[in-house]
C-alpha atoms as a PDB file:
ATOM      1  CA  MET A   1       0.000   0.000   0.000  1.00  0.00           C
ATOM      2  CA  ARG A   2       1.179   3.473  -0.793  1.00  0.00           C
ATOM      3  CA  VAL A   3      -0.237   6.477   1.063  1.00  0.00           C
ATOM      4  CA  SER A   4      -1.053   9.187  -1.471  1.00  0.00           C
ATOM      5  CA  ALA A   5      -0.503  12.888  -0.854  1.00  0.00           C
ATOM      6  CA  ARG A   6      -4.304  13.283  -0.919  1.00  0.00           C
ATOM      7  CA  ALA A   7      -4.725  10.691   1.848  1.00  0.00           C
ATOM      8  CA  ASP A   8      -1.939  12.195   3.966  1.00  0.00           C
ATOM      9  CA  TYR A   9      -3.345  15.708   3.569  1.00  0.00           C
ATOM     10  CA  ALA A  10      -6.878  14.468   4.241  1.00  0.00           C
ATOM     11  CA  VAL A  11      -5.910  12.776   7.508  1.00  0.00           C
ATOM     12  CA  ARG A  12      -3.951  15.845   8.606  1.00  0.00           C
ATOM     13  CA  ALA A  13      -6.879  18.135   7.759  1.00  0.00           C
ATOM     14  CA  MET A  14      -9.283  15.885   9.643  1.00  0.00           C
ATOM     15  CA  LEU A  15      -6.980  15.918  12.661  1.00  0.00           C
ATOM     16  CA  GLU A  16      -6.909  19.703  12.556  1.00  0.00           C
ATOM     17  CA  LEU A  17     -10.721  19.723  12.549  1.00  0.00           C
ATOM     18  CA  ALA A  18     -10.782  17.118  15.333  1.00  0.00           C
ATOM     19  CA  VAL A  19      -8.706  19.210  17.725  1.00  0.00           C
ATOM     20  CA  ARG A  20     -10.837  22.262  16.929  1.00  0.00           C
ATOM     21  CA  GLN A  21     -14.212  20.471  16.944  1.00  0.00           C
ATOM     22  CA  HIS A  22     -15.596  22.322  19.955  1.00  0.00           C
ATOM     23  CA  GLY A  23     -14.857  25.768  18.592  1.00  0.00           C
ATOM     24  CA  GLY A  24     -17.296  25.868  15.679  1.00  0.00           C
ATOM     25  CA  PRO A  25     -16.616  25.619  11.950  1.00  0.00           C
ATOM     26  CA  VAL A  26     -13.012  26.043  10.824  1.00  0.00           C
ATOM     27  CA  LYS A  27     -12.128  27.845   7.622  1.00  0.00           C
ATOM     28  CA  ALA A  28     -10.233  25.916   4.965  1.00  0.00           C
ATOM     29  CA  GLU A  29      -7.557  28.623   4.983  1.00  0.00           C
ATOM     30  CA  THR A  30      -6.953  27.992   8.694  1.00  0.00           C
ATOM     31  CA  VAL A  31      -6.524  24.261   8.128  1.00  0.00           C
ATOM     32  CA  ALA A  32      -4.295  24.844   5.102  1.00  0.00           C
ATOM     33  CA  LEU A  33      -1.994  27.168   7.031  1.00  0.00           C
ATOM     34  CA  ALA A  34      -1.875  25.011  10.155  1.00  0.00           C
ATOM     35  CA  GLN A  35      -0.980  21.868   8.214  1.00  0.00           C
ATOM     36  CA  ASP A  36       1.007  23.429   5.347  1.00  0.00           C
ATOM     37  CA  ILE A  37      -1.384  22.085   2.709  1.00  0.00           C
ATOM     38  CA  PRO A  38      -1.889  23.989  -0.550  1.00  0.00           C
ATOM     39  CA  HIS A  39      -5.265  25.723  -0.149  1.00  0.00           C
ATOM     40  CA  LYS A  40      -6.704  24.845  -3.575  1.00  0.00           C
ATOM     41  CA  PHE A  41      -5.663  21.207  -3.154  1.00  0.00           C
ATOM     42  CA  LEU A  42      -7.264  21.166   0.294  1.00  0.00           C
ATOM     43  CA  GLU A  43     -10.549  22.525  -1.076  1.00  0.00           C
ATOM     44  CA  GLY A  44     -10.818  19.501  -3.384  1.00  0.00           C
ATOM     45  CA  ILE A  45     -10.002  17.139  -0.540  1.00  0.00           C
ATOM     46  CA  LEU A  46     -12.572  18.778   1.735  1.00  0.00           C
ATOM     47  CA  GLY A  47     -15.148  18.351  -1.032  1.00  0.00           C
ATOM     48  CA  ASP A  48     -14.375  14.622  -1.171  1.00  0.00           C
ATOM     49  CA  LEU A  49     -14.609  14.388   2.608  1.00  0.00           C
ATOM     50  CA  ARG A  50     -17.960  16.203   2.552  1.00  0.00           C
ATOM     51  CA  ARG A  51     -19.321  13.898  -0.140  1.00  0.00           C
ATOM     52  CA  GLY A  52     -18.031  10.968   1.932  1.00  0.00           C
ATOM     53  CA  GLY A  53     -20.055  12.165   4.912  1.00  0.00           C
ATOM     54  CA  LEU A  54     -17.020  12.885   7.078  1.00  0.00           C
ATOM     55  CA  VAL A  55     -17.230  16.678   7.225  1.00  0.00           C
ATOM     56  CA  GLU A  56     -19.989  19.227   7.099  1.00  0.00           C
ATOM     57  CA  SER A  57     -19.611  22.681   5.689  1.00  0.00           C
ATOM     58  CA  ARG A  58     -21.337  25.968   6.300  1.00  0.00           C
ATOM     59  CA  ARG A  59     -21.100  29.005   4.047  1.00  0.00           C
ATOM     60  CA  GLY A  60     -20.786  32.594   5.087  1.00  0.00           C
ATOM     61  CA  GLY A  61     -18.654  34.701   7.374  1.00  0.00           C
ATOM     62  CA  SER A  62     -18.979  32.317  10.288  1.00  0.00           C
ATOM     63  CA  GLY A  63     -18.809  29.291   8.025  1.00  0.00           C
ATOM     64  CA  GLY A  64     -16.201  26.644   7.522  1.00  0.00           C
ATOM     65  CA  TYR A  65     -15.813  22.919   8.056  1.00  0.00           C
ATOM     66  CA  ARG A  66     -16.350  20.616  10.981  1.00  0.00           C
ATOM     67  CA  LEU A  67     -16.414  16.877  11.541  1.00  0.00           C
ATOM     68  CA  ALA A  68     -19.734  15.269  10.641  1.00  0.00           C
ATOM     69  CA  ARG A  69     -19.431  12.889  13.587  1.00  0.00           C
ATOM     70  CA  PRO A  70     -17.228  12.609  16.681  1.00  0.00           C
ATOM     71  CA  ALA A  71     -13.504  12.063  16.163  1.00  0.00           C
ATOM     72  CA  ASP A  72     -13.698   8.721  17.975  1.00  0.00           C
ATOM     73  CA  ALA A  73     -16.189   7.512  15.342  1.00  0.00           C
ATOM     74  CA  ILE A  74     -13.985   8.305  12.315  1.00  0.00           C
ATOM     75  CA  THR A  75     -11.170   5.920  11.446  1.00  0.00           C
ATOM     76  CA  VAL A  76      -8.153   6.591   9.290  1.00  0.00           C
ATOM     77  CA  ALA A  77      -9.615   3.998   6.893  1.00  0.00           C
ATOM     78  CA  ASP A  78     -12.772   6.123   6.552  1.00  0.00           C
ATOM     79  CA  VAL A  79     -10.686   9.126   5.544  1.00  0.00           C
ATOM     80  CA  VAL A  80      -8.483   7.222   3.087  1.00  0.00           C
ATOM     81  CA  ARG A  81     -11.504   5.625   1.419  1.00  0.00           C
ATOM     82  CA  ALA A  82     -13.230   9.011   1.074  1.00  0.00           C
ATOM     83  CA  VAL A  83     -10.343  10.540  -0.874  1.00  0.00           C
ATOM     84  CA  ASP A  84      -8.644   7.553  -2.544  1.00  0.00           C
ATOM     85  CA  GLY A  85     -11.238   4.788  -2.786  1.00  0.00           C
ATOM     86  CA  PRO A  86     -10.311   1.212  -1.830  1.00  0.00           C
ATOM     87  CA  ILE A  87      -7.503   0.962   0.694  1.00  0.00           C
ATOM     88  CA  VAL A  88      -5.614  -1.798  -1.102  1.00  0.00           C
ATOM     89  CA  SER A  89      -5.933  -2.605  -4.760  1.00  0.00           C
ATOM     90  CA  VAL A  90      -3.944  -4.634  -7.250  1.00  0.00           C
ATOM     91  CA  ARG A  91      -3.879  -3.169 -10.745  1.00  0.00           C
ATOM     92  CA  GLY A  92      -6.805  -1.000  -9.675  1.00  0.00           C
ATOM     93  CA  GLU A  93      -8.951  -3.964  -8.566  1.00  0.00           C
ATOM     94  CA  ARG A  94      -9.878  -5.091  -5.082  1.00  0.00           C
ATOM     95  CA  PRO A  95      -7.989  -8.321  -4.320  1.00  0.00           C
ATOM     96  CA  ASN A  96     -11.183 -10.336  -3.845  1.00  0.00           C
ATOM     97  CA  ARG A  97     -12.106  -9.634  -7.497  1.00  0.00           C
ATOM     98  CA  LEU A  98      -8.922 -11.139  -8.920  1.00  0.00           C
ATOM     99  CA  THR A  99      -8.249 -14.635 -10.208  1.00  0.00           C
ATOM    100  CA  TYR A 100      -4.911 -16.300 -10.827  1.00  0.00           C
ATOM    101  CA  THR A 101      -4.004 -19.671 -12.271  1.00  0.00           C
ATOM    102  CA  GLY A 102      -1.075 -22.033 -12.158  1.00  0.00           C
ATOM    103  CA  PRO A 103       1.939 -21.014 -10.100  1.00  0.00           C
ATOM    104  CA  ALA A 104       0.438 -17.535  -9.590  1.00  0.00           C
ATOM    105  CA  ALA A 105      -2.642 -18.935  -7.771  1.00  0.00           C
ATOM    106  CA  PRO A 106      -1.129 -18.321  -4.290  1.00  0.00           C
ATOM    107  CA  LEU A 107      -0.965 -14.603  -5.083  1.00  0.00           C
ATOM    108  CA  LEU A 108      -4.672 -14.190  -4.394  1.00  0.00           C
ATOM    109  CA  PRO A 109      -4.560 -15.138  -0.700  1.00  0.00           C
ATOM    110  CA  LEU A 110      -1.360 -13.092  -0.360  1.00  0.00           C
ATOM    111  CA  TRP A 111      -3.032  -9.930  -1.707  1.00  0.00           C
ATOM    112  CA  VAL A 112      -6.133 -10.597   0.416  1.00  0.00           C
ATOM    113  CA  ALA A 113      -3.901 -10.964   3.505  1.00  0.00           C
ATOM    114  CA  VAL A 114      -2.126  -7.696   2.688  1.00  0.00           C
ATOM    115  CA  ARG A 115      -5.500  -5.982   2.388  1.00  0.00           C
ATOM    116  CA  ALA A 116      -6.686  -7.500   5.684  1.00  0.00           C
ATOM    117  CA  GLY A 117      -3.527  -6.365   7.495  1.00  0.00           C
ATOM    118  CA  VAL A 118      -3.731  -2.809   6.225  1.00  0.00           C
ATOM    119  CA  ARG A 119      -7.456  -2.642   6.986  1.00  0.00           C
ATOM    120  CA  ARG A 120      -6.863  -3.988  10.511  1.00  0.00           C
ATOM    121  CA  VAL A 121      -4.441  -1.153  11.224  1.00  0.00           C
ATOM    122  CA  LEU A 122      -6.309   1.707   9.532  1.00  0.00           C
ATOM    123  CA  GLU A 123      -9.740   0.646  10.772  1.00  0.00           C
ATOM    124  CA  GLY A 124      -8.356   0.272  14.292  1.00  0.00           C
ATOM    125  CA  VAL A 125      -7.157   3.863  14.608  1.00  0.00           C
ATOM    126  CA  THR A 126      -9.527   6.795  15.024  1.00  0.00           C
ATOM    127  CA  LEU A 127      -8.883  10.495  14.680  1.00  0.00           C
ATOM    128  CA  ALA A 128      -9.375  10.763  18.443  1.00  0.00           C
ATOM    129  CA  ASP A 129      -6.610   8.175  19.007  1.00  0.00           C
ATOM    130  CA  ILE A 130      -4.141  10.181  16.940  1.00  0.00           C
ATOM    131  CA  ALA A 131      -5.206  13.564  18.338  1.00  0.00           C
ATOM    132  CA  ALA A 132      -4.685  12.223  21.871  1.00  0.00           C
ATOM    133  CA  ASP A 133      -1.344  10.625  20.912  1.00  0.00           C
ATOM    134  CA  ALA A 134      -2.881   7.329  22.038  1.00  0.00           C
ATOM    135  CA  LEU A 135      -2.338   4.901  19.185  1.00  0.00           C
ATOM    136  CA  PRO A 136      -3.674   1.425  19.955  1.00  0.00           C
ATOM    137  CA  GLU A 137      -1.099  -0.976  21.408  1.00  0.00           C
ATOM    138  CA  PRO A 138      -0.907  -3.245  18.310  1.00  0.00           C
ATOM    139  CA  VAL A 139      -0.073  -0.228  16.149  1.00  0.00           C
ATOM    140  CA  ARG A 140       2.557   1.008  18.608  1.00  0.00           C
ATOM    141  CA  GLU A 141       4.097  -2.471  18.691  1.00  0.00           C
ATOM    142  CA  LEU A 142       4.325  -2.612  14.896  1.00  0.00           C
ATOM    143  CA  ALA A 143       5.848   0.871  14.753  1.00  0.00           C
ATOM    144  CA  ALA A 144       8.360  -0.029  17.488  1.00  0.00           C
ATOM    145  CA  GLU A 145       9.852  -2.885  15.473  1.00  0.00           C
ATOM    146  CA  PRO A 146      13.217  -1.682  14.140  1.00  0.00           C
ATOM    147  CA  ALA A 147      12.560  -3.294  10.744  1.00  0.00           C
ATOM    148  CA  SER A 148       9.459  -1.131  10.364  1.00  0.00           C
ATOM    149  CA  TRP A 149      11.655   1.938  10.028  1.00  0.00           C
ATOM    150  CA  GLN A 150      14.108   0.471   7.523  1.00  0.00           C
ATOM    151  CA  ASN A 151      13.816   0.410   3.772  1.00  0.00           C
ATOM    152  CA  PRO A 152      14.766  -2.977   2.363  1.00  0.00           C
END
């Protein structure tokens, strides 16, 4: 899995909204400046997040964006799916839609396992977890493995 710039920016924007969720709507410009995200790029991302039901927007002088539901009810997987579509794909297809034959047949369960592992991590972490610097223990354990930080 490769995390796109859109997904990274989207998660960062959502975190900015999460920590400001009790202060009313937040302007896109405020989020863009706080997270060093190009404003025009962020506007497109916020549109995807709105269409995905993750943020709400209000127009006008006191308008802006806010989370559509509590930060502890929005996972990183929700955000990635809203801006990038399926979390793991092979040649643009979900692994469960692929077929292989002959010596390549074992690839299917491998790709499905990769998808399951990535989903387990991203669906197990909420915006509230990240905002509170309280990643779940399994995620912290994976990140603490020295090999996790090395490029092969």
